[in-house]
Amino acid sequence: MKWSNKKTVLSAMSILVLMALDKVMNIRPIEDKHLSESKLIWSDEFDKNGTLDTSKWMFESGFVRNNEAQWYQSENAICENGYLVITGKKERKPNPTYEAGSTDWKKKRAYIEYTSSSVVMKKRHAFKYGKVEVRAKIDAQPGLWPAIWTLGIAGEWPSNGEVDIMEYYEEKILANYAYANKEKWQAIWDGASKKVEDFGGQKWANEFHIWTLEWDENKMKIFVDGELLNDIDLNTTINKSDGKNPFRQPHYLLLNLALGGNRGGSLENTKLPSKYIVDYVRIYQ
């Protein structure tokens, strides 16, 4: 029974009790036969308050990619009340990599104006094939760019392969695959998007959703709440640069909240701080 149905027959107090039990006991419906037959091989429930489990995760640091506005730092990611909370902030401090006269976008900024976190699975936990599930809630504001994505362990981008299980920007939810074209740093993209408005607008965005990647030798499929967003035939995803298939090697997971940049856009009307909340990450095979 869905929560929306339960609310019609249960008192408000009963609902709160059941929701608490759901989080504490991790009672979640298994939605398909394949998942029920699979084995959980890796997970993080974020149930211990404080810093992330450093045996599982590491952090990106500094200005990293896409001309984004934020400086990545570990302080903006914390576990509290059973969730991983990544916070984007407006925070001004000196840029330690600043070089006067530099044309490098990472070095020419005298000051850091925004901070956030990018949480990266350690490569020793990389996985090949199976099912990834991430239950999360995004903040669907202009200027924000939260993501759940993977990269292959071998090769430089994009020859290592990229899977965007979830991206949000420009009022859209995106599900993308990328692999290498002939030119260096140039990707072949297989992308799909759907407007947040078409999912249910701000009400939908204010709720938790389950993003899923299903991956076997021949196919990848990306879902949100069981709805197929994008799939790809892995017999066709051959890098033009090196002839390799980047989706037939282990991948590792990244969770990040970017601000501005090439896709996030202007932060002029963005209300900060902003919280990107992850309930759990689970990987099955």
Protein backbone atom coordinates (compact mmCIF):
# COMPACT_ATOMS: atom_id res chain seq x y z
CA MET A 1 0.00 0.00 0.00
CA LYS A 2 1.38 3.39 -0.95
CA TRP A 3 1.80 6.11 1.67
CA SER A 4 -0.78 8.26 -0.12
CA ASN A 5 -3.34 5.49 0.44
CA LYS A 6 -2.31 4.86 4.02
CA LYS A 7 -2.90 8.48 4.91
CA THR A 8 -6.58 8.08 4.15
CA VAL A 9 -7.06 5.32 6.74
CA LEU A 10 -4.44 5.97 9.41
CA SER A 11 -4.20 8.69 11.98
CA ALA A 12 -1.41 11.23 11.70
CA MET A 13 0.32 9.68 14.73
CA SER A 14 0.22 6.21 13.19
CA ILE A 15 1.77 7.52 10.00
CA LEU A 16 4.64 9.11 11.89
CA VAL A 17 5.27 5.87 13.79
CA LEU A 18 5.27 3.80 10.60
CA MET A 19 7.60 6.23 8.85
CA ALA A 20 10.01 6.04 11.78
CA LEU A 21 9.91 2.24 11.71
CA ASP A 22 10.49 2.31 7.96
CA LYS A 23 13.71 4.26 8.43
CA VAL A 24 14.98 2.39 11.49
CA MET A 25 14.20 -1.09 10.21
CA ASN A 26 14.81 -0.31 6.52
CA ILE A 27 11.49 -1.91 5.55
CA ARG A 28 11.17 -1.19 1.85
CA PRO A 29 9.03 -3.00 -0.74
CA ILE A 30 10.87 -5.18 -3.22
CA GLU A 31 9.36 -4.06 -6.48
CA ASP A 32 10.42 -6.75 -8.90
CA LYS A 33 11.35 -10.41 -9.16
CA HIS A 34 14.94 -9.75 -10.25
CA LEU A 35 15.73 -7.64 -7.19
CA SER A 36 14.24 -10.24 -4.84
CA GLU A 37 16.55 -12.86 -6.35
CA SER A 38 19.63 -10.62 -6.17
CA LYS A 39 22.21 -10.35 -3.44
CA LEU A 40 23.08 -7.07 -1.77
CA ILE A 41 26.83 -6.69 -2.33
CA TRP A 42 27.45 -3.12 -1.14
CA SER A 43 25.45 -0.44 0.62
CA ASP A 44 25.50 2.62 2.81
CA GLU A 45 22.43 3.48 4.88
CA PHE A 46 24.09 6.58 6.43
CA ASP A 47 22.76 5.56 9.85
CA LYS A 48 25.73 6.77 11.91
CA ASN A 49 25.64 10.50 12.66
CA GLY A 50 28.74 12.50 11.79
CA THR A 51 31.25 12.11 9.02
CA LEU A 52 30.93 9.65 6.15
CA ASP A 53 32.41 6.16 6.35
CA THR A 54 35.89 6.81 4.93
CA SER A 55 36.39 3.11 4.26
CA LYS A 56 33.73 3.49 1.54
CA TRP A 57 33.95 7.09 0.38
CA MET A 58 36.40 9.87 -0.42
CA PHE A 59 35.87 13.52 -1.40
CA GLU A 60 36.71 15.67 -4.37
CA SER A 61 38.37 18.92 -3.42
CA GLY A 62 38.53 22.40 -4.92
CA PHE A 63 37.24 23.69 -8.26
CA VAL A 64 36.94 20.48 -10.29
CA ARG A 65 34.96 20.66 -13.57
CA ASN A 66 32.53 22.44 -15.87
CA ASN A 67 33.35 26.00 -14.73
CA GLU A 68 31.16 25.36 -11.71
CA ALA A 69 30.85 28.01 -9.01
CA GLN A 70 31.37 25.80 -5.97
CA TRP A 71 34.54 24.82 -4.17
CA TYR A 72 34.19 21.17 -3.16
CA GLN A 73 35.06 20.37 0.45
CA SER A 74 34.31 17.50 2.81
CA GLU A 75 32.74 19.77 5.45
CA ASN A 76 29.57 20.16 3.38
CA ALA A 77 28.67 16.45 3.58
CA ILE A 78 27.41 15.00 6.85
CA CYS A 79 25.35 12.04 8.02
CA GLU A 80 22.45 12.96 10.28
CA ASN A 81 19.21 11.22 11.26
CA GLY A 82 19.85 8.38 8.83
CA TYR A 83 20.60 10.52 5.79
CA LEU A 84 23.60 11.84 3.89
CA VAL A 85 23.08 15.60 3.61
CA ILE A 86 25.12 17.51 1.03
CA THR A 87 24.75 21.26 1.49
CA GLY A 88 25.46 23.95 -1.08
CA LYS A 89 26.32 27.26 0.58
CA LYS A 90 27.16 30.83 -0.27
CA GLU A 91 30.48 31.12 1.54
CA ARG A 92 33.28 33.56 0.76
CA LYS A 93 36.91 32.77 1.48
CA PRO A 94 40.29 33.08 -0.28
CA ASN A 95 41.00 30.69 -3.15
CA PRO A 96 44.23 28.87 -2.17
CA THR A 97 44.96 28.12 -5.85
CA TYR A 98 44.61 31.74 -6.99
CA GLU A 99 47.22 33.06 -9.42
CA ALA A 100 47.04 36.70 -10.48
CA GLY A 101 46.75 37.00 -14.26
CA SER A 102 45.91 33.35 -14.80
CA THR A 103 43.40 32.44 -17.50
CA ASP A 104 42.68 29.06 -15.88
CA TRP A 105 39.12 29.20 -14.52
CA LYS A 106 40.23 27.34 -11.39
CA LYS A 107 43.06 29.76 -10.62
CA LYS A 108 41.84 33.16 -11.78
CA ARG A 109 39.21 33.52 -9.05
CA ALA A 110 40.68 35.36 -6.08
CA TYR A 111 37.85 34.20 -3.85
CA ILE A 112 35.67 31.16 -3.34
CA GLU A 113 32.05 32.35 -3.32
CA TYR A 114 30.21 29.03 -2.96
CA THR A 115 30.96 25.64 -1.36
CA SER A 116 29.49 22.15 -1.65
CA SER A 117 30.55 18.46 -1.59
CA SER A 118 31.21 15.72 -4.09
CA VAL A 119 31.27 12.26 -2.52
CA VAL A 120 33.11 9.53 -4.44
CA MET A 121 33.02 5.77 -3.92
CA LYS A 122 36.52 4.40 -3.41
CA LYS A 123 37.59 2.50 -6.51
CA ARG A 124 38.22 -0.69 -4.58
CA HIS A 125 34.44 -0.94 -4.22
CA ALA A 126 33.81 -0.53 -7.96
CA PHE A 127 31.19 -2.90 -9.36
CA LYS A 128 30.47 -4.53 -12.71
CA TYR A 129 26.86 -5.38 -13.67
CA GLY A 130 23.95 -5.62 -11.27
CA LYS A 131 21.49 -3.07 -9.94
CA VAL A 132 22.16 0.25 -8.25
CA GLU A 133 19.46 1.91 -6.16
CA VAL A 134 19.72 5.38 -4.64
CA ARG A 135 16.85 6.93 -2.69
CA ALA A 136 17.27 10.68 -2.63
CA LYS A 137 15.56 14.06 -2.56
CA ILE A 138 16.81 16.94 -4.68
CA ASP A 139 16.24 20.67 -4.42
CA ALA A 140 14.80 21.61 -7.82
CA GLN A 141 15.93 25.23 -7.95
CA PRO A 142 17.46 27.19 -10.82
CA GLY A 143 21.24 27.20 -10.61
CA LEU A 144 21.56 23.81 -8.90
CA TRP A 145 23.00 20.67 -10.47
CA PRO A 146 22.70 17.58 -8.21
CA ALA A 147 23.76 14.23 -9.65
CA ILE A 148 24.07 10.49 -9.14
CA TRP A 149 26.58 9.14 -11.65
CA THR A 150 29.27 6.57 -12.37
CA LEU A 151 32.66 6.50 -14.07
CA GLY A 152 34.69 3.53 -15.28
CA ILE A 153 37.87 2.76 -13.36
CA ALA A 154 40.19 2.65 -16.41
CA GLY A 155 40.86 5.34 -18.99
CA GLU A 156 40.53 9.11 -19.06
CA TRP A 157 37.15 10.76 -19.59
CA PRO A 158 35.15 9.99 -21.67
CA SER A 159 36.88 6.79 -22.78
CA ASN A 160 36.24 5.39 -19.28
CA GLY A 161 32.47 5.79 -19.76
CA GLU A 162 29.98 7.90 -17.80
CA VAL A 163 26.48 6.99 -16.64
CA ASP A 164 24.28 9.78 -15.28
CA ILE A 165 21.72 7.87 -13.26
CA MET A 166 20.29 11.23 -12.24
CA GLU A 167 21.06 14.82 -13.10
CA TYR A 168 18.89 17.85 -12.47
CA TYR A 169 19.30 21.21 -14.15
CA GLU A 170 17.23 23.67 -16.18
CA GLU A 171 14.04 22.29 -14.58
CA LYS A 172 14.66 18.81 -16.03
CA ILE A 173 15.57 15.34 -14.79
CA LEU A 174 18.19 13.74 -17.06
CA ALA A 175 19.45 10.19 -17.62
CA ASN A 176 22.54 9.93 -19.81
CA TYR A 177 25.28 7.66 -21.12
CA ALA A 178 28.57 8.90 -22.53
CA TYR A 179 31.55 7.24 -24.21
CA ALA A 180 34.44 8.46 -26.35
CA ASN A 181 34.39 9.98 -29.81
CA LYS A 182 37.55 10.15 -31.92
CA GLU A 183 38.62 13.60 -30.71
CA LYS A 184 40.25 13.90 -27.29
CA TRP A 185 37.82 14.94 -24.52
CA GLN A 186 34.86 14.64 -26.90
CA ALA A 187 31.98 12.36 -25.89
CA ILE A 188 29.22 10.56 -27.74
CA TRP A 189 26.10 11.21 -25.68
CA ASP A 190 22.95 9.13 -25.45
CA GLY A 191 20.73 11.35 -23.32
CA ALA A 192 17.12 11.58 -22.22
CA SER A 193 15.31 14.20 -20.17
CA LYS A 194 11.91 14.96 -18.74
CA LYS A 195 10.65 18.18 -17.20
CA VAL A 196 10.05 18.20 -13.46
CA GLU A 197 6.67 19.71 -14.29
CA ASP A 198 5.74 16.51 -16.16
CA PHE A 199 6.53 14.41 -13.08
CA GLY A 200 4.33 16.56 -10.84
CA GLY A 201 6.19 19.81 -10.39
CA GLN A 202 7.42 21.15 -7.08
CA LYS A 203 5.35 18.67 -5.07
CA TRP A 204 7.18 15.81 -6.80
CA ALA A 205 10.54 17.50 -6.33
CA ASN A 206 9.94 17.91 -2.59
CA GLU A 207 9.62 14.13 -2.14
CA PHE A 208 12.13 11.28 -2.02
CA HIS A 209 12.49 9.17 -5.16
CA ILE A 210 14.32 5.97 -6.05
CA TRP A 211 16.76 6.20 -8.93
CA THR A 212 17.86 2.85 -10.38
CA LEU A 213 20.48 1.61 -12.81
CA GLU A 214 20.05 -1.94 -14.14
CA TRP A 215 23.18 -3.20 -15.89
CA ASP A 216 24.09 -6.46 -17.55
CA GLU A 217 26.48 -7.47 -20.33
CA ASN A 218 24.17 -6.29 -23.08
CA LYS A 219 22.10 -3.41 -21.75
CA MET A 220 21.84 -0.52 -19.28
CA LYS A 221 18.52 0.91 -18.11
CA ILE A 222 17.90 3.96 -15.93
CA PHE A 223 14.66 4.35 -13.96
CA VAL A 224 13.09 6.71 -11.47
CA ASP A 225 10.42 5.18 -9.23
CA GLY A 226 10.14 2.29 -11.68
CA GLU A 227 9.62 4.51 -14.73
CA LEU A 228 12.12 3.85 -17.52
CA LEU A 229 13.93 7.05 -18.49
CA ASN A 230 16.66 5.79 -20.83
CA ASP A 231 18.25 2.54 -21.98
CA ILE A 232 21.16 1.68 -24.21
CA ASP A 233 22.41 -1.37 -26.12
CA LEU A 234 25.95 -2.08 -24.90
CA ASN A 235 26.79 -3.86 -28.12
CA THR A 236 26.91 -0.39 -29.72
CA THR A 237 28.90 1.58 -27.11
CA ILE A 238 32.39 1.19 -28.55
CA ASN A 239 34.80 4.07 -28.04
CA LYS A 240 35.91 5.56 -31.35
CA SER A 241 39.15 6.60 -29.67
CA ASP A 242 40.46 3.21 -28.57
CA GLY A 243 37.94 0.56 -29.69
CA LYS A 244 37.11 -0.42 -26.11
CA ASN A 245 33.70 -0.74 -24.48
CA PRO A 246 33.75 1.39 -21.30
CA PHE A 247 30.57 -0.21 -19.96
CA ARG A 248 32.12 -3.66 -19.73
CA GLN A 249 34.50 -2.67 -16.95
CA PRO A 250 33.84 -1.86 -13.27
CA HIS A 251 32.39 1.54 -12.43
CA TYR A 252 32.37 3.59 -9.24
CA LEU A 253 29.69 5.97 -7.97
CA LEU A 254 29.67 9.74 -7.37
CA LEU A 255 27.10 11.84 -5.48
CA ASN A 256 27.50 15.58 -5.78
CA LEU A 257 25.73 18.92 -5.67
CA ALA A 258 27.17 21.36 -8.19
CA LEU A 259 26.23 25.04 -8.39
CA GLY A 260 26.17 27.11 -11.57
CA GLY A 261 28.65 26.11 -14.25
CA ASN A 262 28.04 24.98 -17.81
CA ARG A 263 24.65 23.46 -17.02
CA GLY A 264 23.47 24.74 -13.64
CA GLY A 265 23.27 28.28 -14.93
CA SER A 266 22.85 31.53 -13.03
CA LEU A 267 22.74 31.50 -9.23
CA GLU A 268 21.16 34.95 -9.06
CA ASN A 269 17.76 33.62 -7.91
CA THR A 270 18.97 30.52 -6.06
CA LYS A 271 18.08 30.33 -2.39
CA LEU A 272 20.99 29.04 -0.33
CA PRO A 273 21.86 27.02 1.64
CA SER A 274 20.42 24.13 -0.36
CA LYS A 275 20.31 20.51 0.78
CA TYR A 276 20.62 17.40 -1.40
CA ILE A 277 19.55 14.47 0.78
CA VAL A 278 20.41 10.80 0.17
CA ASP A 279 18.63 8.10 2.17
CA TYR A 280 20.63 5.09 1.00
CA VAL A 281 22.83 3.60 -1.72
CA ARG A 282 22.40 -0.13 -2.44
CA ILE A 283 24.09 -2.30 -5.05
CA TYR A 284 22.79 -5.77 -5.93
CA GLN A 285 24.09 -8.57 -8.11
